[in-house]
Amino acid sequence: MDRDQLQHVAAALEEGYGECPHGRTALMNWIEQEVSMLKSRGVPGGEAATQALGLAYWEWLGES
């Protein structure tokens, strides 16, 4: 995932679920790691991946 894609995903997550208290750099690093985990678990792209990423972000924020 390139930097522009990461910025787009980060902005969408913050718009939908709230601002990341860890900052944008930490969020983009988290997105890269989470996308890799989703791929390794075989989560299909599109809506399924979007929902899984959103739920994982919400959980990550709750753990902060």
PDB file of N, CA and C in Angstrom:
ATOM      1  N   MET A   1       0.860  -1.170   0.000  1.00  0.00           N
ATOM      2  CA  MET A   1       0.000   0.000   0.000  1.00  0.00           C
ATOM      3  C   MET A   1       0.907   1.234   0.000  1.00  0.00           C
ATOM      4  N   ASP A   2       0.670   2.140  -0.944  1.00  0.00           N
ATOM      5  CA  ASP A   2       1.516   3.331  -0.998  1.00  0.00           C
ATOM      6  C   ASP A   2       1.022   4.402  -0.022  1.00  0.00           C
ATOM      7  N   ARG A   3       1.819   5.440   0.119  1.00  0.00           N
ATOM      8  CA  ARG A   3       1.532   6.489   1.109  1.00  0.00           C
ATOM      9  C   ARG A   3       0.192   7.186   0.855  1.00  0.00           C
ATOM     10  N   ASP A   4      -0.139   7.432  -0.403  1.00  0.00           N
ATOM     11  CA  ASP A   4      -1.419   8.074  -0.717  1.00  0.00           C
ATOM     12  C   ASP A   4      -2.595   7.193  -0.300  1.00  0.00           C
ATOM     13  N   GLN A   5      -2.475   5.891  -0.553  1.00  0.00           N
ATOM     14  CA  GLN A   5      -3.529   4.965  -0.140  1.00  0.00           C
ATOM     15  C   GLN A   5      -3.659   4.944   1.380  1.00  0.00           C
ATOM     16  N   LEU A   6      -2.519   4.926   2.058  1.00  0.00           N
ATOM     17  CA  LEU A   6      -2.547   4.936   3.525  1.00  0.00           C
ATOM     18  C   LEU A   6      -3.212   6.198   4.050  1.00  0.00           C
ATOM     19  N   GLN A   7      -2.888   7.340   3.450  1.00  0.00           N
ATOM     20  CA  GLN A   7      -3.496   8.611   3.871  1.00  0.00           C
ATOM     21  C   GLN A   7      -5.017   8.559   3.670  1.00  0.00           C
ATOM     22  N   HIS A   8      -5.442   8.008   2.540  1.00  0.00           N
ATOM     23  CA  HIS A   8      -6.869   7.910   2.241  1.00  0.00           C
ATOM     24  C   HIS A   8      -7.581   7.009   3.258  1.00  0.00           C
ATOM     25  N   VAL A   9      -7.003   5.860   3.543  1.00  0.00           N
ATOM     26  CA  VAL A   9      -7.605   4.930   4.502  1.00  0.00           C
ATOM     27  C   VAL A   9      -7.622   5.549   5.903  1.00  0.00           C
ATOM     28  N   ALA A  10      -6.529   6.192   6.287  1.00  0.00           N
ATOM     29  CA  ALA A  10      -6.457   6.836   7.603  1.00  0.00           C
ATOM     30  C   ALA A  10      -7.530   7.911   7.736  1.00  0.00           C
ATOM     31  N   ALA A  11      -7.683   8.728   6.716  1.00  0.00           N
ATOM     32  CA  ALA A  11      -8.697   9.785   6.750  1.00  0.00           C
ATOM     33  C   ALA A  11     -10.102   9.196   6.855  1.00  0.00           C
ATOM     34  N   ALA A  12     -10.357   8.126   6.108  1.00  0.00           N
ATOM     35  CA  ALA A  12     -11.674   7.489   6.151  1.00  0.00           C
ATOM     36  C   ALA A  12     -11.960   6.893   7.528  1.00  0.00           C
ATOM     37  N   LEU A  13     -10.969   6.255   8.125  1.00  0.00           N
ATOM     38  CA  LEU A  13     -11.166   5.683   9.462  1.00  0.00           C
ATOM     39  C   LEU A  13     -11.442   6.771  10.489  1.00  0.00           C
ATOM     40  N   GLU A  14     -10.657   7.847  10.433  1.00  0.00           N
ATOM     41  CA  GLU A  14     -10.861   8.929  11.401  1.00  0.00           C
ATOM     42  C   GLU A  14     -12.200   9.621  11.189  1.00  0.00           C
ATOM     43  N   GLU A  15     -12.625   9.739   9.953  1.00  0.00           N
ATOM     44  CA  GLU A  15     -13.923  10.354   9.675  1.00  0.00           C
ATOM     45  C   GLU A  15     -15.065   9.477  10.198  1.00  0.00           C
ATOM     46  N   GLY A  16     -14.920   8.184  10.018  1.00  0.00           N
ATOM     47  CA  GLY A  16     -15.986   7.265  10.418  1.00  0.00           C
ATOM     48  C   GLY A  16     -15.993   6.873  11.884  1.00  0.00           C
ATOM     49  N   TYR A  17     -14.811   6.813  12.488  1.00  0.00           N
ATOM     50  CA  TYR A  17     -14.724   6.268  13.847  1.00  0.00           C
ATOM     51  C   TYR A  17     -14.104   7.206  14.871  1.00  0.00           C
ATOM     52  N   GLY A  18     -13.597   8.333  14.443  1.00  0.00           N
ATOM     53  CA  GLY A  18     -12.995   9.277  15.379  1.00  0.00           C
ATOM     54  C   GLY A  18     -11.496   9.407  15.182  1.00  0.00           C
ATOM     55  N   GLU A  19     -11.001  10.539  15.594  1.00  0.00           N
ATOM     56  CA  GLU A  19      -9.579  10.846  15.439  1.00  0.00           C
ATOM     57  C   GLU A  19      -8.702   9.888  16.234  1.00  0.00           C
ATOM     58  N   CYS A  20      -7.588   9.525  15.656  1.00  0.00           N
ATOM     59  CA  CYS A  20      -6.647   8.626  16.313  1.00  0.00           C
ATOM     60  C   CYS A  20      -5.840   9.403  17.350  1.00  0.00           C
ATOM     61  N   PRO A  21      -5.888   9.003  18.605  1.00  0.00           N
ATOM     62  CA  PRO A  21      -5.145   9.718  19.648  1.00  0.00           C
ATOM     63  C   PRO A  21      -3.629   9.502  19.566  1.00  0.00           C
ATOM     64  N   HIS A  22      -3.197   8.559  18.751  1.00  0.00           N
ATOM     65  CA  HIS A  22      -1.775   8.236  18.634  1.00  0.00           C
ATOM     66  C   HIS A  22      -1.086   9.030  17.532  1.00  0.00           C
ATOM     67  N   GLY A  23      -1.848   9.767  16.730  1.00  0.00           N
ATOM     68  CA  GLY A  23      -1.289  10.536  15.632  1.00  0.00           C
ATOM     69  C   GLY A  23      -1.355   9.788  14.313  1.00  0.00           C
ATOM     70  N   ARG A  24      -1.202  10.534  13.237  1.00  0.00           N
ATOM     71  CA  ARG A  24      -1.365   9.990  11.896  1.00  0.00           C
ATOM     72  C   ARG A  24      -0.287   8.955  11.553  1.00  0.00           C
ATOM     73  N   THR A  25       0.960   9.199  11.961  1.00  0.00           N
ATOM     74  CA  THR A  25       2.043   8.249  11.642  1.00  0.00           C
ATOM     75  C   THR A  25       1.776   6.893  12.278  1.00  0.00           C
ATOM     76  N   ALA A  26       1.385   6.892  13.545  1.00  0.00           N
ATOM     77  CA  ALA A  26       1.077   5.637  14.233  1.00  0.00           C
ATOM     78  C   ALA A  26      -0.113   4.946  13.574  1.00  0.00           C
ATOM     79  N   LEU A  27      -1.098   5.724  13.178  1.00  0.00           N
ATOM     80  CA  LEU A  27      -2.278   5.159  12.521  1.00  0.00           C
ATOM     81  C   LEU A  27      -1.897   4.503  11.197  1.00  0.00           C
ATOM     82  N   MET A  28      -1.077   5.168  10.418  1.00  0.00           N
ATOM     83  CA  MET A  28      -0.679   4.597   9.124  1.00  0.00           C
ATOM     84  C   MET A  28       0.149   3.331   9.315  1.00  0.00           C
ATOM     85  N   ASN A  29       0.998   3.294  10.319  1.00  0.00           N
ATOM     86  CA  ASN A  29       1.746   2.070  10.624  1.00  0.00           C
ATOM     87  C   ASN A  29       0.799   0.955  11.038  1.00  0.00           C
ATOM     88  N   TRP A  30      -0.175   1.292  11.860  1.00  0.00           N
ATOM     89  CA  TRP A  30      -1.156   0.311  12.308  1.00  0.00           C
ATOM     90  C   TRP A  30      -1.935  -0.240  11.113  1.00  0.00           C
ATOM     91  N   ILE A  31      -2.345   0.645  10.193  1.00  0.00           N
ATOM     92  CA  ILE A  31      -3.099   0.214   9.006  1.00  0.00           C
ATOM     93  C   ILE A  31      -2.288  -0.796   8.206  1.00  0.00           C
ATOM     94  N   GLU A  32      -1.018  -0.506   7.968  1.00  0.00           N
ATOM     95  CA  GLU A  32      -0.174  -1.440   7.211  1.00  0.00           C
ATOM     96  C   GLU A  32      -0.128  -2.806   7.883  1.00  0.00           C
ATOM     97  N   GLN A  33       0.047  -2.827   9.192  1.00  0.00           N
ATOM     98  CA  GLN A  33       0.108  -4.090   9.930  1.00  0.00           C
ATOM     99  C   GLN A  33      -1.234  -4.813   9.877  1.00  0.00           C
ATOM    100  N   GLU A  34      -2.299  -4.070  10.068  1.00  0.00           N
ATOM    101  CA  GLU A  34      -3.631  -4.677  10.103  1.00  0.00           C
ATOM    102  C   GLU A  34      -4.009  -5.237   8.732  1.00  0.00           C
ATOM    103  N   VAL A  35      -3.710  -4.521   7.665  1.00  0.00           N
ATOM    104  CA  VAL A  35      -4.012  -5.003   6.316  1.00  0.00           C
ATOM    105  C   VAL A  35      -3.243  -6.293   6.043  1.00  0.00           C
ATOM    106  N   SER A  36      -1.988  -6.349   6.479  1.00  0.00           N
ATOM    107  CA  SER A  36      -1.203  -7.576   6.303  1.00  0.00           C
ATOM    108  C   SER A  36      -1.845  -8.743   7.050  1.00  0.00           C
ATOM    109  N   MET A  37      -2.316  -8.489   8.270  1.00  0.00           N
ATOM    110  CA  MET A  37      -2.971  -9.552   9.047  1.00  0.00           C
ATOM    111  C   MET A  37      -4.267  -9.997   8.379  1.00  0.00           C
ATOM    112  N   LEU A  38      -5.050  -9.049   7.866  1.00  0.00           N
ATOM    113  CA  LEU A  38      -6.295  -9.403   7.200  1.00  0.00           C
ATOM    114  C   LEU A  38      -6.021 -10.264   5.973  1.00  0.00           C
ATOM    115  N   LYS A  39      -5.011  -9.889   5.209  1.00  0.00           N
ATOM    116  CA  LYS A  39      -4.649 -10.673   4.022  1.00  0.00           C
ATOM    117  C   LYS A  39      -4.197 -12.074   4.409  1.00  0.00           C
ATOM    118  N   SER A  40      -3.383 -12.175   5.468  1.00  0.00           N
ATOM    119  CA  SER A  40      -2.889 -13.485   5.885  1.00  0.00           C
ATOM    120  C   SER A  40      -4.011 -14.381   6.399  1.00  0.00           C
ATOM    121  N   ARG A  41      -5.085 -13.779   6.915  1.00  0.00           N
ATOM    122  CA  ARG A  41      -6.242 -14.550   7.382  1.00  0.00           C
ATOM    123  C   ARG A  41      -7.217 -14.857   6.259  1.00  0.00           C
ATOM    124  N   GLY A  42      -6.933 -14.345   5.056  1.00  0.00           N
ATOM    125  CA  GLY A  42      -7.778 -14.633   3.907  1.00  0.00           C
ATOM    126  C   GLY A  42      -9.038 -13.800   3.821  1.00  0.00           C
ATOM    127  N   VAL A  43      -9.065 -12.661   4.502  1.00  0.00           N
ATOM    128  CA  VAL A  43     -10.232 -11.789   4.414  1.00  0.00           C
ATOM    129  C   VAL A  43     -10.265 -11.202   3.002  1.00  0.00           C
ATOM    130  N   PRO A  44     -11.380 -11.376   2.288  1.00  0.00           N
ATOM    131  CA  PRO A  44     -11.446 -10.848   0.927  1.00  0.00           C
ATOM    132  C   PRO A  44     -11.453  -9.320   0.939  1.00  0.00           C
ATOM    133  N   GLY A  45     -11.014  -8.734  -0.162  1.00  0.00           N
ATOM    134  CA  GLY A  45     -10.992  -7.276  -0.278  1.00  0.00           C
ATOM    135  C   GLY A  45     -12.394  -6.708  -0.335  1.00  0.00           C
ATOM    136  N   GLY A  46     -12.483  -5.456  -0.602  1.00  0.00           N
ATOM    137  CA  GLY A  46     -13.778  -4.800  -0.736  1.00  0.00           C
ATOM    138  C   GLY A  46     -14.454  -4.562   0.597  1.00  0.00           C
ATOM    139  N   GLU A  47     -15.749  -4.750   0.605  1.00  0.00           N
ATOM    140  CA  GLU A  47     -16.562  -4.431   1.785  1.00  0.00           C
ATOM    141  C   GLU A  47     -16.158  -5.254   3.012  1.00  0.00           C
ATOM    142  N   ALA A  48     -15.824  -6.516   2.824  1.00  0.00           N
ATOM    143  CA  ALA A  48     -15.435  -7.357   3.963  1.00  0.00           C
ATOM    144  C   ALA A  48     -14.181  -6.802   4.634  1.00  0.00           C
ATOM    145  N   ALA A  49     -13.196  -6.434   3.835  1.00  0.00           N
ATOM    146  CA  ALA A  49     -11.957  -5.886   4.387  1.00  0.00           C
ATOM    147  C   ALA A  49     -12.201  -4.531   5.033  1.00  0.00           C
ATOM    148  N   THR A  50     -13.048  -3.725   4.411  1.00  0.00           N
ATOM    149  CA  THR A  50     -13.367  -2.408   4.966  1.00  0.00           C
ATOM    150  C   THR A  50     -14.023  -2.543   6.328  1.00  0.00           C
ATOM    151  N   GLN A  51     -14.978  -3.445   6.445  1.00  0.00           N
ATOM    152  CA  GLN A  51     -15.652  -3.659   7.720  1.00  0.00           C
ATOM    153  C   GLN A  51     -14.695  -4.214   8.770  1.00  0.00           C
ATOM    154  N   ALA A  52     -13.884  -5.173   8.389  1.00  0.00           N
ATOM    155  CA  ALA A  52     -12.934  -5.765   9.332  1.00  0.00           C
ATOM    156  C   ALA A  52     -11.936  -4.716   9.820  1.00  0.00           C
ATOM    157  N   LEU A  53     -11.465  -3.866   8.921  1.00  0.00           N
ATOM    158  CA  LEU A  53     -10.518  -2.826   9.299  1.00  0.00           C
ATOM    159  C   LEU A  53     -11.185  -1.808  10.222  1.00  0.00           C
ATOM    160  N   GLY A  54     -12.416  -1.442   9.921  1.00  0.00           N
ATOM    161  CA  GLY A  54     -13.150  -0.503  10.769  1.00  0.00           C
ATOM    162  C   GLY A  54     -13.357  -1.044  12.175  1.00  0.00           C
ATOM    163  N   LEU A  55     -13.749  -2.300  12.269  1.00  0.00           N
ATOM    164  CA  LEU A  55     -13.953  -2.915  13.587  1.00  0.00           C
ATOM    165  C   LEU A  55     -12.644  -3.020  14.362  1.00  0.00           C
ATOM    166  N   ALA A  56     -11.575  -3.381  13.658  1.00  0.00           N
ATOM    167  CA  ALA A  56     -10.272  -3.476  14.314  1.00  0.00           C
ATOM    168  C   ALA A  56      -9.816  -2.104  14.803  1.00  0.00           C
ATOM    169  N   TYR A  57     -10.080  -1.061  14.020  1.00  0.00           N
ATOM    170  CA  TYR A  57      -9.711   0.302  14.426  1.00  0.00           C
ATOM    171  C   TYR A  57     -10.484   0.705  15.671  1.00  0.00           C
ATOM    172  N   TRP A  58     -11.759   0.427  15.681  1.00  0.00           N
ATOM    173  CA  TRP A  58     -12.594   0.753  16.835  1.00  0.00           C
ATOM    174  C   TRP A  58     -12.073   0.044  18.087  1.00  0.00           C
ATOM    175  N   GLU A  59     -11.710  -1.225  17.952  1.00  0.00           N
ATOM    176  CA  GLU A  59     -11.118  -1.977  19.070  1.00  0.00           C
ATOM    177  C   GLU A  59      -9.797  -1.355  19.503  1.00  0.00           C
ATOM    178  N   TRP A  60      -8.962  -0.989  18.534  1.00  0.00           N
ATOM    179  CA  TRP A  60      -7.658  -0.384  18.837  1.00  0.00           C
ATOM    180  C   TRP A  60      -7.854   0.920  19.610  1.00  0.00           C
ATOM    181  N   LEU A  61      -8.815   1.728  19.205  1.00  0.00           N
ATOM    182  CA  LEU A  61      -9.087   2.978  19.919  1.00  0.00           C
ATOM    183  C   LEU A  61      -9.561   2.697  21.338  1.00  0.00           C
ATOM    184  N   GLY A  62     -10.369   1.659  21.491  1.00  0.00           N
ATOM    185  CA  GLY A  62     -10.876   1.313  22.810  1.00  0.00           C
ATOM    186  C   GLY A  62      -9.807   0.852  23.761  1.00  0.00           C
ATOM    187  N   GLU A  63      -8.720   0.297  23.221  1.00  0.00           N
ATOM    188  CA  GLU A  63      -7.612  -0.176  24.045  1.00  0.00           C
ATOM    189  C   GLU A  63      -6.672   0.949  24.442  1.00  0.00           C
ATOM    190  N   SER A  64      -6.835   2.131  23.827  1.00  0.00           N
ATOM    191  CA  SER A  64      -5.948   3.263  24.108  1.00  0.00           C
ATOM    192  C   SER A  64      -6.231   3.848  25.469  1.00  0.00           C
TER     193      SER A  64
END
